Amino acid sequence: MLKKICLQAIAFYQSYISPFIGTHCRYYPSCSEYAKQAFLFQNPFVATFKTAGRILTCNHFFKGGIAYPSAFLRLEVRTYKPCLVRYWFIPSVTQRLENIPSGIVMQSQIFYIIKNYPKVSRVR
């Protein structure tokens, strides 16, 4: 419930408020996109804490740069038919995996979340 309310508030901000303010974020992805991804993949309280920290560092006293959100996830190895990929999960620590049969649960670890943008929004 709380997660849904926060995601709706972020969507409202991205649609109606952000276009009038302009792009002033010192980070990539922007702070609102970071918050959206944090709320999608984490506990709402953890996501709120991480988002507040990100917004507090989005000023001229900090360098900024590329900072993807991270989440502690447990992924399951399965095979599916090809589909549209919305997010890429990049492990923060390289893990060596050998002979993993389908359906076996991998160990929980921290992943960086990278959004896959459609071809229309990519720079040529």
PDB file of N, CA and C in Angstrom:
ATOM      1  N   MET A   1       0.820  -1.192   0.000  1.00  0.00           N
ATOM      2  CA  MET A   1       0.000   0.000   0.000  1.00  0.00           C
ATOM      3  C   MET A   1       0.870   1.265   0.000  1.00  0.00           C
ATOM      4  N   LEU A   2       1.817   1.328   0.951  1.00  0.00           N
ATOM      5  CA  LEU A   2       2.711   2.478   1.040  1.00  0.00           C
ATOM      6  C   LEU A   2       3.574   2.592  -0.216  1.00  0.00           C
ATOM      7  N   LYS A   3       4.018   1.436  -0.705  1.00  0.00           N
ATOM      8  CA  LYS A   3       4.832   1.391  -1.924  1.00  0.00           C
ATOM      9  C   LYS A   3       4.058   1.973  -3.107  1.00  0.00           C
ATOM     10  N   LYS A   4       2.793   1.598  -3.231  1.00  0.00           N
ATOM     11  CA  LYS A   4       1.949   2.069  -4.334  1.00  0.00           C
ATOM     12  C   LYS A   4       1.723   3.579  -4.259  1.00  0.00           C
ATOM     13  N   ILE A   5       1.500   4.090  -3.060  1.00  0.00           N
ATOM     14  CA  ILE A   5       1.288   5.532  -2.873  1.00  0.00           C
ATOM     15  C   ILE A   5       2.546   6.309  -3.254  1.00  0.00           C
ATOM     16  N   CYS A   6       3.688   5.820  -2.815  1.00  0.00           N
ATOM     17  CA  CYS A   6       4.955   6.498  -3.135  1.00  0.00           C
ATOM     18  C   CYS A   6       5.235   6.471  -4.634  1.00  0.00           C
ATOM     19  N   LEU A   7       4.977   5.342  -5.286  1.00  0.00           N
ATOM     20  CA  LEU A   7       5.191   5.256  -6.739  1.00  0.00           C
ATOM     21  C   LEU A   7       4.250   6.197  -7.499  1.00  0.00           C
ATOM     22  N   GLN A   8       3.014   6.338  -7.029  1.00  0.00           N
ATOM     23  CA  GLN A   8       2.081   7.266  -7.662  1.00  0.00           C
ATOM     24  C   GLN A   8       2.516   8.711  -7.460  1.00  0.00           C
ATOM     25  N   ALA A   9       3.044   9.026  -6.286  1.00  0.00           N
ATOM     26  CA  ALA A   9       3.547  10.380  -6.031  1.00  0.00           C
ATOM     27  C   ALA A   9       4.748  10.692  -6.925  1.00  0.00           C
ATOM     28  N   ILE A  10       5.625   9.731  -7.118  1.00  0.00           N
ATOM     29  CA  ILE A  10       6.784   9.924  -7.997  1.00  0.00           C
ATOM     30  C   ILE A  10       6.333  10.095  -9.444  1.00  0.00           C
ATOM     31  N   ALA A  11       5.360   9.296  -9.872  1.00  0.00           N
ATOM     32  CA  ALA A  11       4.839   9.421 -11.242  1.00  0.00           C
ATOM     33  C   ALA A  11       4.191  10.788 -11.455  1.00  0.00           C
ATOM     34  N   PHE A  12       3.471  11.282 -10.454  1.00  0.00           N
ATOM     35  CA  PHE A  12       2.863  12.610 -10.539  1.00  0.00           C
ATOM     36  C   PHE A  12       3.947  13.678 -10.668  1.00  0.00           C
ATOM     37  N   TYR A  13       4.988  13.571  -9.841  1.00  0.00           N
ATOM     38  CA  TYR A  13       6.095  14.531  -9.900  1.00  0.00           C
ATOM     39  C   TYR A  13       6.770  14.500 -11.280  1.00  0.00           C
ATOM     40  N   GLN A  14       7.046  13.297 -11.803  1.00  0.00           N
ATOM     41  CA  GLN A  14       7.720  13.187 -13.098  1.00  0.00           C
ATOM     42  C   GLN A  14       6.859  13.724 -14.240  1.00  0.00           C
ATOM     43  N   SER A  15       5.552  13.577 -14.140  1.00  0.00           N
ATOM     44  CA  SER A  15       4.659  14.008 -15.227  1.00  0.00           C
ATOM     45  C   SER A  15       4.310  15.488 -15.184  1.00  0.00           C
ATOM     46  N   TYR A  16       4.058  16.016 -13.995  1.00  0.00           N
ATOM     47  CA  TYR A  16       3.492  17.363 -13.907  1.00  0.00           C
ATOM     48  C   TYR A  16       4.419  18.426 -13.304  1.00  0.00           C
ATOM     49  N   ILE A  17       5.257  18.067 -12.372  1.00  0.00           N
ATOM     50  CA  ILE A  17       6.097  19.067 -11.711  1.00  0.00           C
ATOM     51  C   ILE A  17       7.470  19.191 -12.366  1.00  0.00           C
ATOM     52  N   SER A  18       8.099  18.073 -12.656  1.00  0.00           N
ATOM     53  CA  SER A  18       9.449  18.068 -13.216  1.00  0.00           C
ATOM     54  C   SER A  18       9.589  18.814 -14.541  1.00  0.00           C
ATOM     55  N   PRO A  19       8.621  18.735 -15.470  1.00  0.00           N
ATOM     56  CA  PRO A  19       8.769  19.498 -16.726  1.00  0.00           C
ATOM     57  C   PRO A  19       8.849  21.012 -16.509  1.00  0.00           C
ATOM     58  N   PHE A  20       8.214  21.532 -15.470  1.00  0.00           N
ATOM     59  CA  PHE A  20       8.254  22.973 -15.213  1.00  0.00           C
ATOM     60  C   PHE A  20       9.540  23.406 -14.504  1.00  0.00           C
ATOM     61  N   ILE A  21      10.099  22.521 -13.691  1.00  0.00           N
ATOM     62  CA  ILE A  21      11.328  22.837 -12.964  1.00  0.00           C
ATOM     63  C   ILE A  21      12.540  22.771 -13.887  1.00  0.00           C
ATOM     64  N   GLY A  22      12.562  21.786 -14.767  1.00  0.00           N
ATOM     65  CA  GLY A  22      13.706  21.602 -15.662  1.00  0.00           C
ATOM     66  C   GLY A  22      14.658  20.539 -15.135  1.00  0.00           C
ATOM     67  N   THR A  23      15.695  20.259 -15.904  1.00  0.00           N
ATOM     68  CA  THR A  23      16.641  19.214 -15.520  1.00  0.00           C
ATOM     69  C   THR A  23      17.837  19.844 -14.806  1.00  0.00           C
ATOM     70  N   HIS A  24      17.858  19.714 -13.506  1.00  0.00           N
ATOM     71  CA  HIS A  24      18.944  20.265 -12.705  1.00  0.00           C
ATOM     72  C   HIS A  24      19.621  19.199 -11.855  1.00  0.00           C
ATOM     73  N   CYS A  25      19.287  17.952 -12.047  1.00  0.00           N
ATOM     74  CA  CYS A  25      19.847  16.885 -11.222  1.00  0.00           C
ATOM     75  C   CYS A  25      21.315  16.666 -11.586  1.00  0.00           C
ATOM     76  N   ARG A  26      22.144  16.467 -10.576  1.00  0.00           N
ATOM     77  CA  ARG A  26      23.588  16.277 -10.764  1.00  0.00           C
ATOM     78  C   ARG A  26      23.935  14.812 -10.977  1.00  0.00           C
ATOM     79  N   TYR A  27      22.946  13.943 -10.922  1.00  0.00           N
ATOM     80  CA  TYR A  27      23.184  12.508 -11.037  1.00  0.00           C
ATOM     81  C   TYR A  27      22.500  11.929 -12.269  1.00  0.00           C
ATOM     82  N   TYR A  28      22.990  10.777 -12.677  1.00  0.00           N
ATOM     83  CA  TYR A  28      22.309   9.953 -13.669  1.00  0.00           C
ATOM     84  C   TYR A  28      22.163   8.569 -13.058  1.00  0.00           C
ATOM     85  N   PRO A  29      21.014   7.976 -13.039  1.00  0.00           N
ATOM     86  CA  PRO A  29      19.706   8.492 -13.403  1.00  0.00           C
ATOM     87  C   PRO A  29      19.264   9.598 -12.445  1.00  0.00           C
ATOM     88  N   SER A  30      18.289  10.362 -12.873  1.00  0.00           N
ATOM     89  CA  SER A  30      17.834  11.502 -12.063  1.00  0.00           C
ATOM     90  C   SER A  30      17.325  11.009 -10.712  1.00  0.00           C
ATOM     91  N   CYS A  31      17.211  11.912  -9.789  1.00  0.00           N
ATOM     92  CA  CYS A  31      16.789  11.550  -8.429  1.00  0.00           C
ATOM     93  C   CYS A  31      15.392  10.926  -8.411  1.00  0.00           C
ATOM     94  N   SER A  32      14.489  11.423  -9.253  1.00  0.00           N
ATOM     95  CA  SER A  32      13.138  10.849  -9.273  1.00  0.00           C
ATOM     96  C   SER A  32      13.142   9.445  -9.872  1.00  0.00           C
ATOM     97  N   GLU A  33      13.961   9.209 -10.890  1.00  0.00           N
ATOM     98  CA  GLU A  33      14.061   7.864 -11.474  1.00  0.00           C
ATOM     99  C   GLU A  33      14.739   6.911 -10.490  1.00  0.00           C
ATOM    100  N   TYR A  34      15.729   7.404  -9.769  1.00  0.00           N
ATOM    101  CA  TYR A  34      16.395   6.621  -8.725  1.00  0.00           C
ATOM    102  C   TYR A  34      15.377   6.209  -7.661  1.00  0.00           C
ATOM    103  N   ALA A  35      14.557   7.154  -7.231  1.00  0.00           N
ATOM    104  CA  ALA A  35      13.545   6.868  -6.213  1.00  0.00           C
ATOM    105  C   ALA A  35      12.535   5.840  -6.723  1.00  0.00           C
ATOM    106  N   LYS A  36      12.129   5.994  -7.965  1.00  0.00           N
ATOM    107  CA  LYS A  36      11.167   5.064  -8.556  1.00  0.00           C
ATOM    108  C   LYS A  36      11.719   3.642  -8.565  1.00  0.00           C
ATOM    109  N   GLN A  37      12.962   3.479  -8.989  1.00  0.00           N
ATOM    110  CA  GLN A  37      13.575   2.153  -9.023  1.00  0.00           C
ATOM    111  C   GLN A  37      13.802   1.610  -7.618  1.00  0.00           C
ATOM    112  N   ALA A  38      14.154   2.471  -6.691  1.00  0.00           N
ATOM    113  CA  ALA A  38      14.346   2.031  -5.301  1.00  0.00           C
ATOM    114  C   ALA A  38      13.033   1.517  -4.714  1.00  0.00           C
ATOM    115  N   PHE A  39      11.931   2.212  -4.968  1.00  0.00           N
ATOM    116  CA  PHE A  39      10.632   1.772  -4.439  1.00  0.00           C
ATOM    117  C   PHE A  39      10.126   0.524  -5.146  1.00  0.00           C
ATOM    118  N   LEU A  40      10.495   0.318  -6.401  1.00  0.00           N
ATOM    119  CA  LEU A  40      10.058  -0.885  -7.107  1.00  0.00           C
ATOM    120  C   LEU A  40      10.704  -2.145  -6.549  1.00  0.00           C
ATOM    121  N   PHE A  41      11.957  -2.057  -6.136  1.00  0.00           N
ATOM    122  CA  PHE A  41      12.706  -3.266  -5.801  1.00  0.00           C
ATOM    123  C   PHE A  41      13.109  -3.388  -4.339  1.00  0.00           C
ATOM    124  N   GLN A  42      12.684  -2.478  -3.473  1.00  0.00           N
ATOM    125  CA  GLN A  42      13.090  -2.545  -2.080  1.00  0.00           C
ATOM    126  C   GLN A  42      11.927  -2.270  -1.144  1.00  0.00           C
ATOM    127  N   ASN A  43      12.173  -2.516   0.113  1.00  0.00           N
ATOM    128  CA  ASN A  43      11.241  -2.194   1.175  1.00  0.00           C
ATOM    129  C   ASN A  43      11.005  -0.676   1.153  1.00  0.00           C
ATOM    130  N   PRO A  44       9.772  -0.200   1.315  1.00  0.00           N
ATOM    131  CA  PRO A  44       9.504   1.242   1.254  1.00  0.00           C
ATOM    132  C   PRO A  44      10.306   2.076   2.260  1.00  0.00           C
ATOM    133  N   PHE A  45      10.601   1.541   3.422  1.00  0.00           N
ATOM    134  CA  PHE A  45      11.352   2.302   4.422  1.00  0.00           C
ATOM    135  C   PHE A  45      12.817   2.443   4.015  1.00  0.00           C
ATOM    136  N   VAL A  46      13.386   1.383   3.486  1.00  0.00           N
ATOM    137  CA  VAL A  46      14.767   1.439   2.985  1.00  0.00           C
ATOM    138  C   VAL A  46      14.840   2.371   1.782  1.00  0.00           C
ATOM    139  N   ALA A  47      13.857   2.264   0.892  1.00  0.00           N
ATOM    140  CA  ALA A  47      13.822   3.117  -0.300  1.00  0.00           C
ATOM    141  C   ALA A  47      13.686   4.589   0.087  1.00  0.00           C
ATOM    142  N   THR A  48      12.887   4.889   1.100  1.00  0.00           N
ATOM    143  CA  THR A  48      12.736   6.268   1.563  1.00  0.00           C
ATOM    144  C   THR A  48      14.062   6.801   2.110  1.00  0.00           C
ATOM    145  N   PHE A  49      14.766   5.991   2.880  1.00  0.00           N
ATOM    146  CA  PHE A  49      16.048   6.384   3.448  1.00  0.00           C
ATOM    147  C   PHE A  49      17.074   6.649   2.326  1.00  0.00           C
ATOM    148  N   LYS A  50      17.151   5.736   1.342  1.00  0.00           N
ATOM    149  CA  LYS A  50      18.100   5.910   0.233  1.00  0.00           C
ATOM    150  C   LYS A  50      17.741   7.122  -0.624  1.00  0.00           C
ATOM    151  N   THR A  51      16.463   7.332  -0.870  1.00  0.00           N
ATOM    152  CA  THR A  51      16.017   8.474  -1.677  1.00  0.00           C
ATOM    153  C   THR A  51      16.326   9.789  -0.967  1.00  0.00           C
ATOM    154  N   ALA A  52      16.096   9.838   0.327  1.00  0.00           N
ATOM    155  CA  ALA A  52      16.396  11.062   1.086  1.00  0.00           C
ATOM    156  C   ALA A  52      17.887  11.369   1.038  1.00  0.00           C
ATOM    157  N   GLY A  53      18.716  10.343   1.170  1.00  0.00           N
ATOM    158  CA  GLY A  53      20.163  10.543   1.072  1.00  0.00           C
ATOM    159  C   GLY A  53      20.579  11.039  -0.296  1.00  0.00           C
ATOM    160  N   ARG A  54      19.944  10.523  -1.330  1.00  0.00           N
ATOM    161  CA  ARG A  54      20.258  10.941  -2.700  1.00  0.00           C
ATOM    162  C   ARG A  54      19.856  12.395  -2.927  1.00  0.00           C
ATOM    163  N   ILE A  55      18.677  12.775  -2.478  1.00  0.00           N
ATOM    164  CA  ILE A  55      18.192  14.151  -2.674  1.00  0.00           C
ATOM    165  C   ILE A  55      19.046  15.139  -1.878  1.00  0.00           C
ATOM    166  N   LEU A  56      19.486  14.746  -0.690  1.00  0.00           N
ATOM    167  CA  LEU A  56      20.325  15.631   0.115  1.00  0.00           C
ATOM    168  C   LEU A  56      21.705  15.864  -0.507  1.00  0.00           C
ATOM    169  N   THR A  57      22.197  14.912  -1.295  1.00  0.00           N
ATOM    170  CA  THR A  57      23.501  15.079  -1.954  1.00  0.00           C
ATOM    171  C   THR A  57      23.387  15.660  -3.356  1.00  0.00           C
ATOM    172  N   CYS A  58      22.192  15.975  -3.803  1.00  0.00           N
ATOM    173  CA  CYS A  58      22.001  16.526  -5.154  1.00  0.00           C
ATOM    174  C   CYS A  58      22.059  18.052  -5.079  1.00  0.00           C
ATOM    175  N   ASN A  59      23.262  18.577  -4.822  1.00  0.00           N
ATOM    176  CA  ASN A  59      23.461  20.024  -4.764  1.00  0.00           C
ATOM    177  C   ASN A  59      24.887  20.337  -5.205  1.00  0.00           C
ATOM    178  N   HIS A  60      25.253  21.583  -5.195  1.00  0.00           N
ATOM    179  CA  HIS A  60      26.553  21.983  -5.731  1.00  0.00           C
ATOM    180  C   HIS A  60      27.728  21.631  -4.814  1.00  0.00           C
ATOM    181  N   PHE A  61      27.481  21.151  -3.615  1.00  0.00           N
ATOM    182  CA  PHE A  61      28.563  20.746  -2.720  1.00  0.00           C
ATOM    183  C   PHE A  61      29.083  19.338  -3.024  1.00  0.00           C
ATOM    184  N   PHE A  62      28.322  18.562  -3.791  1.00  0.00           N
ATOM    185  CA  PHE A  62      28.702  17.198  -4.146  1.00  0.00           C
ATOM    186  C   PHE A  62      28.934  17.103  -5.643  1.00  0.00           C
ATOM    187  N   LYS A  63      29.793  16.192  -6.038  1.00  0.00           N
ATOM    188  CA  LYS A  63      30.201  16.090  -7.434  1.00  0.00           C
ATOM    189  C   LYS A  63      29.088  15.555  -8.344  1.00  0.00           C
ATOM    190  N   GLY A  64      28.315  14.597  -7.877  1.00  0.00           N
ATOM    191  CA  GLY A  64      27.292  13.984  -8.715  1.00  0.00           C
ATOM    192  C   GLY A  64      27.896  12.875  -9.563  1.00  0.00           C
ATOM    193  N   GLY A  65      27.324  12.617 -10.726  1.00  0.00           N
ATOM    194  CA  GLY A  65      27.838  11.589 -11.622  1.00  0.00           C
ATOM    195  C   GLY A  65      26.841  10.464 -11.820  1.00  0.00           C
ATOM    196  N   ILE A  66      27.364   9.306 -12.193  1.00  0.00           N
ATOM    197  CA  ILE A  66      26.520   8.137 -12.440  1.00  0.00           C
ATOM    198  C   ILE A  66      26.444   7.329 -11.151  1.00  0.00           C
ATOM    199  N   ALA A  67      25.241   7.127 -10.651  1.00  0.00           N
ATOM    200  CA  ALA A  67      25.027   6.361  -9.420  1.00  0.00           C
ATOM    201  C   ALA A  67      23.707   5.608  -9.546  1.00  0.00           C
ATOM    202  N   TYR A  68      23.816   4.329  -9.884  1.00  0.00           N
ATOM    203  CA  TYR A  68      22.618   3.495 -10.024  1.00  0.00           C
ATOM    204  C   TYR A  68      22.152   3.013  -8.657  1.00  0.00           C
ATOM    205  N   PRO A  69      20.853   2.821  -8.500  1.00  0.00           N
ATOM    206  CA  PRO A  69      20.366   2.276  -7.229  1.00  0.00           C
ATOM    207  C   PRO A  69      20.795   0.817  -7.087  1.00  0.00           C
ATOM    208  N   SER A  70      20.924   0.366  -5.865  1.00  0.00           N
ATOM    209  CA  SER A  70      21.264  -1.033  -5.628  1.00  0.00           C
ATOM    210  C   SER A  70      20.187  -1.651  -4.743  1.00  0.00           C
ATOM    211  N   ALA A  71      20.038  -2.959  -4.862  1.00  0.00           N
ATOM    212  CA  ALA A  71      19.032  -3.664  -4.070  1.00  0.00           C
ATOM    213  C   ALA A  71      19.550  -5.046  -3.717  1.00  0.00           C
ATOM    214  N   PHE A  72      19.159  -5.538  -2.568  1.00  0.00           N
ATOM    215  CA  PHE A  72      19.502  -6.879  -2.122  1.00  0.00           C
ATOM    216  C   PHE A  72      18.398  -7.801  -2.613  1.00  0.00           C
ATOM    217  N   LEU A  73      18.708  -8.637  -3.618  1.00  0.00           N
ATOM    218  CA  LEU A  73      17.687  -9.467  -4.260  1.00  0.00           C
ATOM    219  C   LEU A  73      18.069 -10.935  -4.234  1.00  0.00           C
ATOM    220  N   ARG A  74      17.073 -11.767  -4.313  1.00  0.00           N
ATOM    221  CA  ARG A  74      17.262 -13.202  -4.490  1.00  0.00           C
ATOM    222  C   ARG A  74      16.614 -13.543  -5.839  1.00  0.00           C
ATOM    223  N   LEU A  75      17.441 -13.914  -6.797  1.00  0.00           N
ATOM    224  CA  LEU A  75      16.949 -14.215  -8.131  1.00  0.00           C
ATOM    225  C   LEU A  75      16.885 -15.715  -8.354  1.00  0.00           C
ATOM    226  N   GLU A  76      15.968 -16.127  -9.195  1.00  0.00           N
ATOM    227  CA  GLU A  76      15.803 -17.524  -9.514  1.00  0.00           C
ATOM    228  C   GLU A  76      16.116 -17.723 -10.989  1.00  0.00           C
ATOM    229  N   VAL A  77      16.894 -18.744 -11.275  1.00  0.00           N
ATOM    230  CA  VAL A  77      17.295 -19.022 -12.647  1.00  0.00           C
ATOM    231  C   VAL A  77      16.175 -19.806 -13.325  1.00  0.00           C
ATOM    232  N   ARG A  78      15.609 -19.235 -14.376  1.00  0.00           N
ATOM    233  CA  ARG A  78      14.558 -19.897 -15.144  1.00  0.00           C
ATOM    234  C   ARG A  78      14.712 -19.526 -16.603  1.00  0.00           C
ATOM    235  N   THR A  79      14.142 -20.309 -17.463  1.00  0.00           N
ATOM    236  CA  THR A  79      14.171 -19.996 -18.893  1.00  0.00           C
ATOM    237  C   THR A  79      12.767 -19.626 -19.339  1.00  0.00           C
ATOM    238  N   TYR A  80      12.675 -18.556 -20.089  1.00  0.00           N
ATOM    239  CA  TYR A  80      11.398 -18.071 -20.587  1.00  0.00           C
ATOM    240  C   TYR A  80      11.542 -17.764 -22.067  1.00  0.00           C
ATOM    241  N   LYS A  81      10.416 -17.526 -22.685  1.00  0.00           N
ATOM    242  CA  LYS A  81      10.460 -17.079 -24.063  1.00  0.00           C
ATOM    243  C   LYS A  81      10.989 -15.640 -24.107  1.00  0.00           C
ATOM    244  N   PRO A  82      11.554 -15.209 -25.222  1.00  0.00           N
ATOM    245  CA  PRO A  82      12.082 -13.842 -25.305  1.00  0.00           C
ATOM    246  C   PRO A  82      10.989 -12.798 -25.053  1.00  0.00           C
ATOM    247  N   CYS A  83      11.349 -11.761 -24.329  1.00  0.00           N
ATOM    248  CA  CYS A  83      10.405 -10.695 -24.023  1.00  0.00           C
ATOM    249  C   CYS A  83      11.161  -9.385 -23.872  1.00  0.00           C
ATOM    250  N   LEU A  84      10.436  -8.319 -23.703  1.00  0.00           N
ATOM    251  CA  LEU A  84      11.029  -6.999 -23.525  1.00  0.00           C
ATOM    252  C   LEU A  84      11.682  -6.912 -22.140  1.00  0.00           C
ATOM    253  N   VAL A  85      12.924  -6.481 -22.110  1.00  0.00           N
ATOM    254  CA  VAL A  85      13.652  -6.347 -20.849  1.00  0.00           C
ATOM    255  C   VAL A  85      13.447  -4.931 -20.332  1.00  0.00           C
ATOM    256  N   ARG A  86      12.939  -4.793 -19.109  1.00  0.00           N
ATOM    257  CA  ARG A  86      12.707  -3.467 -18.529  1.00  0.00           C
ATOM    258  C   ARG A  86      13.878  -3.016 -17.664  1.00  0.00           C
ATOM    259  N   TYR A  87      14.462  -3.951 -16.906  1.00  0.00           N
ATOM    260  CA  TYR A  87      15.560  -3.618 -16.012  1.00  0.00           C
ATOM    261  C   TYR A  87      16.659  -4.663 -16.141  1.00  0.00           C
ATOM    262  N   TRP A  88      17.898  -4.218 -16.027  1.00  0.00           N
ATOM    263  CA  TRP A  88      19.060  -5.098 -15.986  1.00  0.00           C
ATOM    264  C   TRP A  88      19.536  -5.122 -14.537  1.00  0.00           C
ATOM    265  N   PHE A  89      19.831  -6.310 -14.026  1.00  0.00           N
ATOM    266  CA  PHE A  89      20.364  -6.472 -12.681  1.00  0.00           C
ATOM    267  C   PHE A  89      21.826  -6.875 -12.799  1.00  0.00           C
ATOM    268  N   ILE A  90      22.717  -5.977 -12.423  1.00  0.00           N
ATOM    269  CA  ILE A  90      24.149  -6.211 -12.522  1.00  0.00           C
ATOM    270  C   ILE A  90      24.679  -6.504 -11.121  1.00  0.00           C
ATOM    271  N   PRO A  91      25.281  -7.677 -10.891  1.00  0.00           N
ATOM    272  CA  PRO A  91      25.787  -7.981  -9.544  1.00  0.00           C
ATOM    273  C   PRO A  91      26.894  -7.017  -9.138  1.00  0.00           C
ATOM    274  N   SER A  92      26.884  -6.612  -7.885  1.00  0.00           N
ATOM    275  CA  SER A  92      27.921  -5.695  -7.411  1.00  0.00           C
ATOM    276  C   SER A  92      29.238  -6.439  -7.187  1.00  0.00           C
ATOM    277  N   VAL A  93      29.168  -7.740  -6.937  1.00  0.00           N
ATOM    278  CA  VAL A  93      30.352  -8.575  -6.782  1.00  0.00           C
ATOM    279  C   VAL A  93      30.236  -9.718  -7.780  1.00  0.00           C
ATOM    280  N   THR A  94      31.289  -9.953  -8.550  1.00  0.00           N
ATOM    281  CA  THR A  94      31.254 -11.024  -9.538  1.00  0.00           C
ATOM    282  C   THR A  94      31.209 -12.370  -8.816  1.00  0.00           C
ATOM    283  N   GLN A  95      30.277 -13.207  -9.247  1.00  0.00           N
ATOM    284  CA  GLN A  95      30.097 -14.506  -8.627  1.00  0.00           C
ATOM    285  C   GLN A  95      30.280 -15.572  -9.689  1.00  0.00           C
ATOM    286  N   ARG A  96      31.027 -16.597  -9.379  1.00  0.00           N
ATOM    287  CA  ARG A  96      31.290 -17.662 -10.340  1.00  0.00           C
ATOM    288  C   ARG A  96      30.201 -18.719 -10.216  1.00  0.00           C
ATOM    289  N   LEU A  97      29.475 -18.955 -11.305  1.00  0.00           N
ATOM    290  CA  LEU A  97      28.372 -19.911 -11.301  1.00  0.00           C
ATOM    291  C   LEU A  97      28.671 -21.018 -12.304  1.00  0.00           C
ATOM    292  N   GLU A  98      28.571 -22.256 -11.861  1.00  0.00           N
ATOM    293  CA  GLU A  98      28.846 -23.383 -12.740  1.00  0.00           C
ATOM    294  C   GLU A  98      27.702 -24.384 -12.656  1.00  0.00           C
ATOM    295  N   ASN A  99      27.251 -24.838 -13.803  1.00  0.00           N
ATOM    296  CA  ASN A  99      26.243 -25.903 -13.899  1.00  0.00           C
ATOM    297  C   ASN A  99      25.026 -25.674 -13.016  1.00  0.00           C
ATOM    298  N   ILE A 100      24.362 -24.556 -13.233  1.00  0.00           N
ATOM    299  CA  ILE A 100      23.150 -24.265 -12.472  1.00  0.00           C
ATOM    300  C   ILE A 100      21.951 -24.811 -13.240  1.00  0.00           C
ATOM    301  N   PRO A 101      21.263 -25.806 -12.709  1.00  0.00           N
ATOM    302  CA  PRO A 101      20.072 -26.306 -13.388  1.00  0.00           C
ATOM    303  C   PRO A 101      18.918 -25.317 -13.259  1.00  0.00           C
ATOM    304  N   SER A 102      17.976 -25.419 -14.184  1.00  0.00           N
ATOM    305  CA  SER A 102      16.843 -24.501 -14.194  1.00  0.00           C
ATOM    306  C   SER A 102      15.997 -24.671 -12.934  1.00  0.00           C
ATOM    307  N   GLY A 103      15.599 -23.548 -12.331  1.00  0.00           N
ATOM    308  CA  GLY A 103      14.739 -23.586 -11.162  1.00  0.00           C
ATOM    309  C   GLY A 103      15.473 -23.542  -9.840  1.00  0.00           C
ATOM    310  N   ILE A 104      16.802 -23.567  -9.848  1.00  0.00           N
ATOM    311  CA  ILE A 104      17.568 -23.504  -8.608  1.00  0.00           C
ATOM    312  C   ILE A 104      17.719 -22.035  -8.199  1.00  0.00           C
ATOM    313  N   VAL A 105      17.511 -21.752  -6.938  1.00  0.00           N
ATOM    314  CA  VAL A 105      17.602 -20.381  -6.443  1.00  0.00           C
ATOM    315  C   VAL A 105      19.068 -20.019  -6.219  1.00  0.00           C
ATOM    316  N   MET A 106      19.473 -18.873  -6.738  1.00  0.00           N
ATOM    317  CA  MET A 106      20.825 -18.383  -6.517  1.00  0.00           C
ATOM    318  C   MET A 106      20.926 -17.781  -5.123  1.00  0.00           C
ATOM    319  N   GLN A 107      22.136 -17.534  -4.689  1.00  0.00           N
ATOM    320  CA  GLN A 107      22.334 -16.871  -3.409  1.00  0.00           C
ATOM    321  C   GLN A 107      21.865 -15.431  -3.499  1.00  0.00           C
ATOM    322  N   SER A 108      21.407 -14.905  -2.385  1.00  0.00           N
ATOM    323  CA  SER A 108      21.021 -13.497  -2.334  1.00  0.00           C
ATOM    324  C   SER A 108      22.269 -12.642  -2.397  1.00  0.00           C
ATOM    325  N   GLN A 109      22.200 -11.565  -3.142  1.00  0.00           N
ATOM    326  CA  GLN A 109      23.324 -10.646  -3.215  1.00  0.00           C
ATOM    327  C   GLN A 109      22.835  -9.280  -3.645  1.00  0.00           C
ATOM    328  N   ILE A 110      23.742  -8.315  -3.635  1.00  0.00           N
ATOM    329  CA  ILE A 110      23.393  -6.949  -3.993  1.00  0.00           C
ATOM    330  C   ILE A 110      23.574  -6.749  -5.495  1.00  0.00           C
ATOM    331  N   PHE A 111      22.549  -6.184  -6.131  1.00  0.00           N
ATOM    332  CA  PHE A 111      22.554  -5.921  -7.568  1.00  0.00           C
ATOM    333  C   PHE A 111      22.389  -4.426  -7.808  1.00  0.00           C
ATOM    334  N   TYR A 112      23.026  -3.912  -8.855  1.00  0.00           N
ATOM    335  CA  TYR A 112      22.742  -2.566  -9.334  1.00  0.00           C
ATOM    336  C   TYR A 112      21.591  -2.674 -10.313  1.00  0.00           C
ATOM    337  N   ILE A 113      20.661  -1.727 -10.257  1.00  0.00           N
ATOM    338  CA  ILE A 113      19.481  -1.754 -11.113  1.00  0.00           C
ATOM    339  C   ILE A 113      19.676  -0.725 -12.218  1.00  0.00           C
ATOM    340  N   ILE A 114      19.656  -1.189 -13.470  1.00  0.00           N
ATOM    341  CA  ILE A 114      19.830  -0.305 -14.611  1.00  0.00           C
ATOM    342  C   ILE A 114      18.599  -0.441 -15.502  1.00  0.00           C
ATOM    343  N   LYS A 115      17.946   0.669 -15.762  1.00  0.00           N
ATOM    344  CA  LYS A 115      16.728   0.657 -16.569  1.00  0.00           C
ATOM    345  C   LYS A 115      17.093   0.566 -18.045  1.00  0.00           C
ATOM    346  N   ASN A 116      16.374  -0.257 -18.775  1.00  0.00           N
ATOM    347  CA  ASN A 116      16.559  -0.401 -20.207  1.00  0.00           C
ATOM    348  C   ASN A 116      15.566   0.525 -20.905  1.00  0.00           C
ATOM    349  N   TYR A 117      16.073   1.559 -21.552  1.00  0.00           N
ATOM    350  CA  TYR A 117      15.205   2.517 -22.219  1.00  0.00           C
ATOM    351  C   TYR A 117      14.886   2.043 -23.625  1.00  0.00           C
ATOM    352  N   PRO A 118      13.669   2.324 -24.130  1.00  0.00           N
ATOM    353  CA  PRO A 118      13.333   1.910 -25.489  1.00  0.00           C
ATOM    354  C   PRO A 118      14.170   2.654 -26.521  1.00  0.00           C
ATOM    355  N   LYS A 119      14.186   2.124 -27.736  1.00  0.00           N
ATOM    356  CA  LYS A 119      14.993   2.707 -28.800  1.00  0.00           C
ATOM    357  C   LYS A 119      14.627   4.162 -29.097  1.00  0.00           C
ATOM    358  N   VAL A 120      13.386   4.514 -28.887  1.00  0.00           N
ATOM    359  CA  VAL A 120      12.911   5.858 -29.203  1.00  0.00           C
ATOM    360  C   VAL A 120      13.647   6.917 -28.378  1.00  0.00           C
ATOM    361  N   SER A 121      13.961   6.598 -27.113  1.00  0.00           N
ATOM    362  CA  SER A 121      14.568   7.604 -26.238  1.00  0.00           C
ATOM    363  C   SER A 121      16.093   7.592 -26.265  1.00  0.00           C
ATOM    364  N   ARG A 122      16.701   6.664 -27.002  1.00  0.00           N
ATOM    365  CA  ARG A 122      18.160   6.595 -27.046  1.00  0.00           C
ATOM    366  C   ARG A 122      18.734   7.675 -27.935  1.00  0.00           C
ATOM    367  N   VAL A 123      19.898   8.157 -27.576  1.00  0.00           N
ATOM    368  CA  VAL A 123      20.597   9.171 -28.366  1.00  0.00           C
ATOM    369  C   VAL A 123      21.354   8.470 -29.488  1.00  0.00           C
ATOM    370  N   ARG A 124      21.248   8.999 -30.685  1.00  0.00           N
ATOM    371  CA  ARG A 124      21.927   8.360 -31.827  1.00  0.00           C
ATOM    372  C   ARG A 124      23.307   8.897 -32.027  1.00  0.00           C
TER     373      ARG A 124
END
